[in-house]
Amino acid sequence: EGDDTLIGNADKDYFVLQSSFGSDTILDFTNGIDLLGLAVGLTFDQLSITGSNGNTLIARGNELLATLTGVDVSLIDSADFTLMV
């Protein structure tokens, strides 16, 4: 809980996004390999995905959920997300 900086391993990583748990900075998201998990209550349609200074910002309403450092926003789409049960 709170604002965290996340770094995955060399293999496929799952970075879980959850509302009301702060904003995460993900330093090594690899498009096409890593996935962003949506916790209970979140769906892809609720998200806004924007770019800023070479990073991708993922928000739900006014709440910033995650920043993907160094990831171009044009690379991120629904295939990068999975629902967590």
PDB file of N, CA and C in Angstrom:
ATOM      1  N   GLU A   1       0.848  -1.177   0.000  1.00  0.00           N
ATOM      2  CA  GLU A   1       0.000   0.000   0.000  1.00  0.00           C
ATOM      3  C   GLU A   1       0.888   1.231   0.000  1.00  0.00           C
ATOM      4  N   GLY A   2       0.475   2.251  -0.724  1.00  0.00           N
ATOM      5  CA  GLY A   2       1.273   3.464  -0.825  1.00  0.00           C
ATOM      6  C   GLY A   2       1.980   3.531  -2.157  1.00  0.00           C
ATOM      7  N   ASP A   3       2.776   4.569  -2.328  1.00  0.00           N
ATOM      8  CA  ASP A   3       3.510   4.753  -3.575  1.00  0.00           C
ATOM      9  C   ASP A   3       4.759   3.880  -3.556  1.00  0.00           C
ATOM     10  N   ASP A   4       4.888   3.018  -4.563  1.00  0.00           N
ATOM     11  CA  ASP A   4       5.998   2.068  -4.606  1.00  0.00           C
ATOM     12  C   ASP A   4       6.738   2.160  -5.936  1.00  0.00           C
ATOM     13  N   THR A   5       8.010   1.774  -5.906  1.00  0.00           N
ATOM     14  CA  THR A   5       8.807   1.609  -7.113  1.00  0.00           C
ATOM     15  C   THR A   5       9.000   0.114  -7.315  1.00  0.00           C
ATOM     16  N   LEU A   6       8.619  -0.383  -8.491  1.00  0.00           N
ATOM     17  CA  LEU A   6       8.640  -1.818  -8.756  1.00  0.00           C
ATOM     18  C   LEU A   6       9.634  -2.149  -9.859  1.00  0.00           C
ATOM     19  N   ILE A   7      10.383  -3.221  -9.640  1.00  0.00           N
ATOM     20  CA  ILE A   7      11.339  -3.725 -10.619  1.00  0.00           C
ATOM     21  C   ILE A   7      11.114  -5.227 -10.731  1.00  0.00           C
ATOM     22  N   GLY A   8      10.890  -5.716 -11.944  1.00  0.00           N
ATOM     23  CA  GLY A   8      10.654  -7.138 -12.145  1.00  0.00           C
ATOM     24  C   GLY A   8      11.934  -7.899 -12.393  1.00  0.00           C
ATOM     25  N   ASN A   9      11.762  -9.158 -12.754  1.00  0.00           N
ATOM     26  CA  ASN A   9      12.885 -10.032 -13.086  1.00  0.00           C
ATOM     27  C   ASN A   9      13.051 -10.098 -14.599  1.00  0.00           C
ATOM     28  N   ALA A  10      13.959 -10.935 -15.045  1.00  0.00           N
ATOM     29  CA  ALA A  10      14.234 -11.071 -16.475  1.00  0.00           C
ATOM     30  C   ALA A  10      13.088 -11.751 -17.221  1.00  0.00           C
ATOM     31  N   ASP A  11      12.328 -12.606 -16.536  1.00  0.00           N
ATOM     32  CA  ASP A  11      11.229 -13.327 -17.172  1.00  0.00           C
ATOM     33  C   ASP A  11       9.953 -12.496 -17.134  1.00  0.00           C
ATOM     34  N   LYS A  12       8.847 -13.114 -17.494  1.00  0.00           N
ATOM     35  CA  LYS A  12       7.539 -12.460 -17.488  1.00  0.00           C
ATOM     36  C   LYS A  12       7.172 -12.035 -16.074  1.00  0.00           C
ATOM     37  N   ASP A  13       6.768 -10.770 -15.940  1.00  0.00           N
ATOM     38  CA  ASP A  13       6.353 -10.231 -14.646  1.00  0.00           C
ATOM     39  C   ASP A  13       4.907  -9.775 -14.717  1.00  0.00           C
ATOM     40  N   TYR A  14       4.235  -9.854 -13.576  1.00  0.00           N
ATOM     41  CA  TYR A  14       2.885  -9.331 -13.421  1.00  0.00           C
ATOM     42  C   TYR A  14       2.956  -8.200 -12.410  1.00  0.00           C
ATOM     43  N   PHE A  15       2.593  -7.006 -12.834  1.00  0.00           N
ATOM     44  CA  PHE A  15       2.539  -5.851 -11.949  1.00  0.00           C
ATOM     45  C   PHE A  15       1.064  -5.558 -11.704  1.00  0.00           C
ATOM     46  N   VAL A  16       0.618  -5.704 -10.459  1.00  0.00           N
ATOM     47  CA  VAL A  16      -0.805  -5.597 -10.147  1.00  0.00           C
ATOM     48  C   VAL A  16      -1.159  -4.155  -9.794  1.00  0.00           C
ATOM     49  N   LEU A  17      -2.185  -3.640 -10.484  1.00  0.00           N
ATOM     50  CA  LEU A  17      -2.693  -2.300 -10.231  1.00  0.00           C
ATOM     51  C   LEU A  17      -3.973  -2.409  -9.425  1.00  0.00           C
ATOM     52  N   GLN A  18      -4.086  -1.556  -8.406  1.00  0.00           N
ATOM     53  CA  GLN A  18      -5.264  -1.584  -7.551  1.00  0.00           C
ATOM     54  C   GLN A  18      -5.620  -0.165  -7.158  1.00  0.00           C
ATOM     55  N   SER A  19      -6.892   0.148  -7.216  1.00  0.00           N
ATOM     56  CA  SER A  19      -7.367   1.471  -6.842  1.00  0.00           C
ATOM     57  C   SER A  19      -7.229   1.676  -5.335  1.00  0.00           C
ATOM     58  N   SER A  20      -6.957   2.907  -4.924  1.00  0.00           N
ATOM     59  CA  SER A  20      -6.849   3.313  -3.513  1.00  0.00           C
ATOM     60  C   SER A  20      -5.632   2.738  -2.804  1.00  0.00           C
ATOM     61  N   PHE A  21      -4.617   2.288  -3.545  1.00  0.00           N
ATOM     62  CA  PHE A  21      -3.407   1.751  -2.937  1.00  0.00           C
ATOM     63  C   PHE A  21      -2.168   2.534  -3.344  1.00  0.00           C
ATOM     64  N   GLY A  22      -2.349   3.765  -3.792  1.00  0.00           N
ATOM     65  CA  GLY A  22      -1.210   4.591  -4.167  1.00  0.00           C
ATOM     66  C   GLY A  22      -0.834   4.397  -5.621  1.00  0.00           C
ATOM     67  N   SER A  23       0.193   5.118  -6.020  1.00  0.00           N
ATOM     68  CA  SER A  23       0.670   5.097  -7.398  1.00  0.00           C
ATOM     69  C   SER A  23       2.009   4.374  -7.468  1.00  0.00           C
ATOM     70  N   ASP A  24       2.116   3.422  -8.374  1.00  0.00           N
ATOM     71  CA  ASP A  24       3.354   2.662  -8.528  1.00  0.00           C
ATOM     72  C   ASP A  24       4.161   3.176  -9.717  1.00  0.00           C
ATOM     73  N   THR A  25       5.468   3.205  -9.554  1.00  0.00           N
ATOM     74  CA  THR A  25       6.387   3.499 -10.644  1.00  0.00           C
ATOM     75  C   THR A  25       7.040   2.184 -11.035  1.00  0.00           C
ATOM     76  N   ILE A  26       6.839   1.769 -12.278  1.00  0.00           N
ATOM     77  CA  ILE A  26       7.374   0.501 -12.766  1.00  0.00           C
ATOM     78  C   ILE A  26       8.561   0.824 -13.663  1.00  0.00           C
ATOM     79  N   LEU A  27       9.746   0.379 -13.243  1.00  0.00           N
ATOM     80  CA  LEU A  27      10.978   0.784 -13.911  1.00  0.00           C
ATOM     81  C   LEU A  27      11.357  -0.062 -15.117  1.00  0.00           C
ATOM     82  N   ASP A  28      10.886  -1.301 -15.182  1.00  0.00           N
ATOM     83  CA  ASP A  28      11.374  -2.173 -16.261  1.00  0.00           C
ATOM     84  C   ASP A  28      10.267  -2.949 -16.966  1.00  0.00           C
ATOM     85  N   PHE A  29       9.137  -2.293 -17.214  1.00  0.00           N
ATOM     86  CA  PHE A  29       8.053  -2.960 -17.932  1.00  0.00           C
ATOM     87  C   PHE A  29       8.505  -3.251 -19.357  1.00  0.00           C
ATOM     88  N   THR A  30       8.392  -4.521 -19.766  1.00  0.00           N
ATOM     89  CA  THR A  30       8.766  -4.927 -21.119  1.00  0.00           C
ATOM     90  C   THR A  30       7.505  -5.279 -21.891  1.00  0.00           C
ATOM     91  N   ASN A  31       7.157  -4.428 -22.844  1.00  0.00           N
ATOM     92  CA  ASN A  31       5.955  -4.635 -23.637  1.00  0.00           C
ATOM     93  C   ASN A  31       6.051  -5.957 -24.399  1.00  0.00           C
ATOM     94  N   GLY A  32       4.949  -6.714 -24.391  1.00  0.00           N
ATOM     95  CA  GLY A  32       4.923  -7.995 -25.082  1.00  0.00           C
ATOM     96  C   GLY A  32       5.386  -9.153 -24.224  1.00  0.00           C
ATOM     97  N   ILE A  33       5.942  -8.863 -23.059  1.00  0.00           N
ATOM     98  CA  ILE A  33       6.386  -9.911 -22.136  1.00  0.00           C
ATOM     99  C   ILE A  33       5.680  -9.754 -20.790  1.00  0.00           C
ATOM    100  N   ASP A  34       5.844  -8.602 -20.170  1.00  0.00           N
ATOM    101  CA  ASP A  34       5.229  -8.345 -18.865  1.00  0.00           C
ATOM    102  C   ASP A  34       3.750  -8.013 -19.030  1.00  0.00           C
ATOM    103  N   LEU A  35       2.992  -8.203 -17.941  1.00  0.00           N
ATOM    104  CA  LEU A  35       1.569  -7.872 -17.936  1.00  0.00           C
ATOM    105  C   LEU A  35       1.233  -7.001 -16.742  1.00  0.00           C
ATOM    106  N   LEU A  36       0.209  -6.188 -16.914  1.00  0.00           N
ATOM    107  CA  LEU A  36      -0.336  -5.377 -15.836  1.00  0.00           C
ATOM    108  C   LEU A  36      -1.618  -6.052 -15.371  1.00  0.00           C
ATOM    109  N   GLY A  37      -1.635  -6.479 -14.122  1.00  0.00           N
ATOM    110  CA  GLY A  37      -2.800  -7.148 -13.566  1.00  0.00           C
ATOM    111  C   GLY A  37      -3.772  -6.136 -13.000  1.00  0.00           C
ATOM    112  N   LEU A  38      -5.046  -6.293 -13.314  1.00  0.00           N
ATOM    113  CA  LEU A  38      -6.082  -5.414 -12.785  1.00  0.00           C
ATOM    114  C   LEU A  38      -6.765  -6.113 -11.621  1.00  0.00           C
ATOM    115  N   ALA A  39      -6.633  -5.538 -10.433  1.00  0.00           N
ATOM    116  CA  ALA A  39      -7.226  -6.119  -9.230  1.00  0.00           C
ATOM    117  C   ALA A  39      -8.750  -6.026  -9.311  1.00  0.00           C
ATOM    118  N   VAL A  40      -9.409  -6.741  -8.430  1.00  0.00           N
ATOM    119  CA  VAL A  40     -10.865  -6.760  -8.375  1.00  0.00           C
ATOM    120  C   VAL A  40     -11.395  -5.326  -8.356  1.00  0.00           C
ATOM    121  N   GLY A  41     -12.382  -5.069  -9.202  1.00  0.00           N
ATOM    122  CA  GLY A  41     -12.984  -3.741  -9.265  1.00  0.00           C
ATOM    123  C   GLY A  41     -12.435  -2.862 -10.369  1.00  0.00           C
ATOM    124  N   LEU A  42     -11.348  -3.269 -11.003  1.00  0.00           N
ATOM    125  CA  LEU A  42     -10.781  -2.498 -12.109  1.00  0.00           C
ATOM    126  C   LEU A  42     -10.996  -3.235 -13.425  1.00  0.00           C
ATOM    127  N   THR A  43     -11.325  -2.479 -14.464  1.00  0.00           N
ATOM    128  CA  THR A  43     -11.407  -3.035 -15.807  1.00  0.00           C
ATOM    129  C   THR A  43     -10.627  -2.134 -16.756  1.00  0.00           C
ATOM    130  N   PHE A  44     -10.242  -2.671 -17.882  1.00  0.00           N
ATOM    131  CA  PHE A  44      -9.480  -1.899 -18.856  1.00  0.00           C
ATOM    132  C   PHE A  44     -10.259  -0.668 -19.316  1.00  0.00           C
ATOM    133  N   ASP A  45     -11.574  -0.813 -19.489  1.00  0.00           N
ATOM    134  CA  ASP A  45     -12.401   0.294 -19.969  1.00  0.00           C
ATOM    135  C   ASP A  45     -12.436   1.476 -19.007  1.00  0.00           C
ATOM    136  N   GLN A  46     -12.124   1.265 -17.741  1.00  0.00           N
ATOM    137  CA  GLN A  46     -12.115   2.346 -16.751  1.00  0.00           C
ATOM    138  C   GLN A  46     -10.831   3.169 -16.791  1.00  0.00           C
ATOM    139  N   LEU A  47      -9.834   2.693 -17.500  1.00  0.00           N
ATOM    140  CA  LEU A  47      -8.515   3.315 -17.449  1.00  0.00           C
ATOM    141  C   LEU A  47      -8.338   4.385 -18.511  1.00  0.00           C
ATOM    142  N   SER A  48      -7.541   5.389 -18.160  1.00  0.00           N
ATOM    143  CA  SER A  48      -7.034   6.318 -19.169  1.00  0.00           C
ATOM    144  C   SER A  48      -5.533   6.097 -19.237  1.00  0.00           C
ATOM    145  N   ILE A  49      -5.033   6.006 -20.450  1.00  0.00           N
ATOM    146  CA  ILE A  49      -3.613   5.729 -20.670  1.00  0.00           C
ATOM    147  C   ILE A  49      -3.063   6.877 -21.502  1.00  0.00           C
ATOM    148  N   THR A  50      -2.130   7.620 -20.915  1.00  0.00           N
ATOM    149  CA  THR A  50      -1.575   8.801 -21.569  1.00  0.00           C
ATOM    150  C   THR A  50      -0.055   8.764 -21.493  1.00  0.00           C
ATOM    151  N   GLY A  51       0.562   9.609 -22.289  1.00  0.00           N
ATOM    152  CA  GLY A  51       2.014   9.701 -22.287  1.00  0.00           C
ATOM    153  C   GLY A  51       2.475  11.032 -21.732  1.00  0.00           C
ATOM    154  N   SER A  52       3.636  11.013 -21.073  1.00  0.00           N
ATOM    155  CA  SER A  52       4.239  12.228 -20.541  1.00  0.00           C
ATOM    156  C   SER A  52       5.742  12.037 -20.435  1.00  0.00           C
ATOM    157  N   ASN A  53       6.501  12.855 -21.149  1.00  0.00           N
ATOM    158  CA  ASN A  53       7.966  12.828 -21.070  1.00  0.00           C
ATOM    159  C   ASN A  53       8.567  11.446 -21.312  1.00  0.00           C
ATOM    160  N   GLY A  54       8.028  10.699 -22.273  1.00  0.00           N
ATOM    161  CA  GLY A  54       8.563   9.381 -22.600  1.00  0.00           C
ATOM    162  C   GLY A  54       8.098   8.267 -21.687  1.00  0.00           C
ATOM    163  N   ASN A  55       7.178   8.572 -20.779  1.00  0.00           N
ATOM    164  CA  ASN A  55       6.625   7.578 -19.861  1.00  0.00           C
ATOM    165  C   ASN A  55       5.155   7.353 -20.193  1.00  0.00           C
ATOM    166  N   THR A  56       4.605   6.231 -19.727  1.00  0.00           N
ATOM    167  CA  THR A  56       3.183   5.959 -19.866  1.00  0.00           C
ATOM    168  C   THR A  56       2.531   6.078 -18.500  1.00  0.00           C
ATOM    169  N   LEU A  57       1.438   6.839 -18.445  1.00  0.00           N
ATOM    170  CA  LEU A  57       0.689   7.036 -17.206  1.00  0.00           C
ATOM    171  C   LEU A  57      -0.635   6.301 -17.317  1.00  0.00           C
ATOM    172  N   ILE A  58      -0.956   5.519 -16.280  1.00  0.00           N
ATOM    173  CA  ILE A  58      -2.204   4.759 -16.256  1.00  0.00           C
ATOM    174  C   ILE A  58      -3.016   5.255 -15.073  1.00  0.00           C
ATOM    175  N   ALA A  59      -4.231   5.726 -15.367  1.00  0.00           N
ATOM    176  CA  ALA A  59      -5.065   6.311 -14.316  1.00  0.00           C
ATOM    177  C   ALA A  59      -6.482   5.771 -14.404  1.00  0.00           C
ATOM    178  N   ARG A  60      -7.172   5.895 -13.292  1.00  0.00           N
ATOM    179  CA  ARG A  60      -8.613   5.634 -13.228  1.00  0.00           C
ATOM    180  C   ARG A  60      -9.227   6.918 -12.694  1.00  0.00           C
ATOM    181  N   GLY A  61      -9.938   7.626 -13.539  1.00  0.00           N
ATOM    182  CA  GLY A  61     -10.448   8.941 -13.144  1.00  0.00           C
ATOM    183  C   GLY A  61      -9.285   9.866 -12.829  1.00  0.00           C
ATOM    184  N   ASN A  62      -9.322  10.490 -11.660  1.00  0.00           N
ATOM    185  CA  ASN A  62      -8.248  11.391 -11.232  1.00  0.00           C
ATOM    186  C   ASN A  62      -7.148  10.679 -10.463  1.00  0.00           C
ATOM    187  N   GLU A  63      -7.252   9.372 -10.312  1.00  0.00           N
ATOM    188  CA  GLU A  63      -6.279   8.611  -9.521  1.00  0.00           C
ATOM    189  C   GLU A  63      -5.218   7.973 -10.424  1.00  0.00           C
ATOM    190  N   LEU A  64      -3.972   8.415 -10.285  1.00  0.00           N
ATOM    191  CA  LEU A  64      -2.866   7.800 -11.020  1.00  0.00           C
ATOM    192  C   LEU A  64      -2.540   6.463 -10.376  1.00  0.00           C
ATOM    193  N   LEU A  65      -2.632   5.394 -11.154  1.00  0.00           N
ATOM    194  CA  LEU A  65      -2.357   4.054 -10.646  1.00  0.00           C
ATOM    195  C   LEU A  65      -0.910   3.653 -10.859  1.00  0.00           C
ATOM    196  N   ALA A  66      -0.354   4.013 -12.033  1.00  0.00           N
ATOM    197  CA  ALA A  66       1.011   3.576 -12.333  1.00  0.00           C
ATOM    198  C   ALA A  66       1.653   4.459 -13.393  1.00  0.00           C
ATOM    199  N   THR A  67       2.973   4.521 -13.302  1.00  0.00           N
ATOM    200  CA  THR A  67       3.807   5.143 -14.323  1.00  0.00           C
ATOM    201  C   THR A  67       4.752   4.077 -14.850  1.00  0.00           C
ATOM    202  N   LEU A  68       4.732   3.862 -16.159  1.00  0.00           N
ATOM    203  CA  LEU A  68       5.664   2.933 -16.791  1.00  0.00           C
ATOM    204  C   LEU A  68       6.821   3.772 -17.321  1.00  0.00           C
ATOM    205  N   THR A  69       7.927   3.733 -16.621  1.00  0.00           N
ATOM    206  CA  THR A  69       9.070   4.577 -16.945  1.00  0.00           C
ATOM    207  C   THR A  69       9.721   4.148 -18.256  1.00  0.00           C
ATOM    208  N   GLY A  70       9.885   5.108 -19.167  1.00  0.00           N
ATOM    209  CA  GLY A  70      10.561   4.844 -20.430  1.00  0.00           C
ATOM    210  C   GLY A  70       9.763   4.044 -21.435  1.00  0.00           C
ATOM    211  N   VAL A  71       8.460   3.893 -21.210  1.00  0.00           N
ATOM    212  CA  VAL A  71       7.612   3.115 -22.121  1.00  0.00           C
ATOM    213  C   VAL A  71       6.747   4.075 -22.930  1.00  0.00           C
ATOM    214  N   ASP A  72       6.856   4.015 -24.249  1.00  0.00           N
ATOM    215  CA  ASP A  72       6.062   4.867 -25.126  1.00  0.00           C
ATOM    216  C   ASP A  72       4.593   4.468 -25.051  1.00  0.00           C
ATOM    217  N   VAL A  73       3.731   5.447 -24.860  1.00  0.00           N
ATOM    218  CA  VAL A  73       2.304   5.189 -24.692  1.00  0.00           C
ATOM    219  C   VAL A  73       1.702   4.456 -25.890  1.00  0.00           C
ATOM    220  N   SER A  74       2.249   4.631 -27.078  1.00  0.00           N
ATOM    221  CA  SER A  74       1.693   3.981 -28.271  1.00  0.00           C
ATOM    222  C   SER A  74       1.851   2.460 -28.243  1.00  0.00           C
ATOM    223  N   LEU A  75       2.696   1.946 -27.366  1.00  0.00           N
ATOM    224  CA  LEU A  75       2.917   0.502 -27.269  1.00  0.00           C
ATOM    225  C   LEU A  75       1.917  -0.201 -26.362  1.00  0.00           C
ATOM    226  N   ILE A  76       1.191   0.555 -25.537  1.00  0.00           N
ATOM    227  CA  ILE A  76       0.340  -0.040 -24.507  1.00  0.00           C
ATOM    228  C   ILE A  76      -1.105  -0.133 -24.987  1.00  0.00           C
ATOM    229  N   ASP A  77      -1.669  -1.352 -24.904  1.00  0.00           N
ATOM    230  CA  ASP A  77      -3.074  -1.556 -25.251  1.00  0.00           C
ATOM    231  C   ASP A  77      -3.650  -2.655 -24.359  1.00  0.00           C
ATOM    232  N   SER A  78      -4.865  -3.070 -24.652  1.00  0.00           N
ATOM    233  CA  SER A  78      -5.555  -4.039 -23.790  1.00  0.00           C
ATOM    234  C   SER A  78      -4.807  -5.359 -23.656  1.00  0.00           C
ATOM    235  N   ALA A  79      -3.975  -5.713 -24.627  1.00  0.00           N
ATOM    236  CA  ALA A  79      -3.219  -6.968 -24.568  1.00  0.00           C
ATOM    237  C   ALA A  79      -2.177  -6.961 -23.452  1.00  0.00           C
ATOM    238  N   ASP A  80      -1.851  -5.793 -22.922  1.00  0.00           N
ATOM    239  CA  ASP A  80      -0.864  -5.679 -21.847  1.00  0.00           C
ATOM    240  C   ASP A  80      -1.482  -5.843 -20.461  1.00  0.00           C
ATOM    241  N   PHE A  81      -2.803  -6.071 -20.402  1.00  0.00           N
ATOM    242  CA  PHE A  81      -3.521  -6.158 -19.138  1.00  0.00           C
ATOM    243  C   PHE A  81      -4.187  -7.514 -18.987  1.00  0.00           C
ATOM    244  N   THR A  82      -4.331  -7.943 -17.739  1.00  0.00           N
ATOM    245  CA  THR A  82      -5.061  -9.165 -17.428  1.00  0.00           C
ATOM    246  C   THR A  82      -5.839  -8.938 -16.138  1.00  0.00           C
ATOM    247  N   LEU A  83      -7.004  -9.564 -16.026  1.00  0.00           N
ATOM    248  CA  LEU A  83      -7.794  -9.457 -14.807  1.00  0.00           C
ATOM    249  C   LEU A  83      -7.255 -10.431 -13.772  1.00  0.00           C
ATOM    250  N   MET A  84      -7.052  -9.942 -12.559  1.00  0.00           N
ATOM    251  CA  MET A  84      -6.595 -10.788 -11.460  1.00  0.00           C
ATOM    252  C   MET A  84      -7.824 -11.254 -10.690  1.00  0.00           C
ATOM    253  N   VAL A  85      -7.830 -12.494 -10.286  1.00  0.00           N
ATOM    254  CA  VAL A  85      -8.976 -13.044  -9.568  1.00  0.00           C
ATOM    255  C   VAL A  85      -8.616 -13.259  -8.122  1.00  0.00           C
TER     256      VAL A  85
END
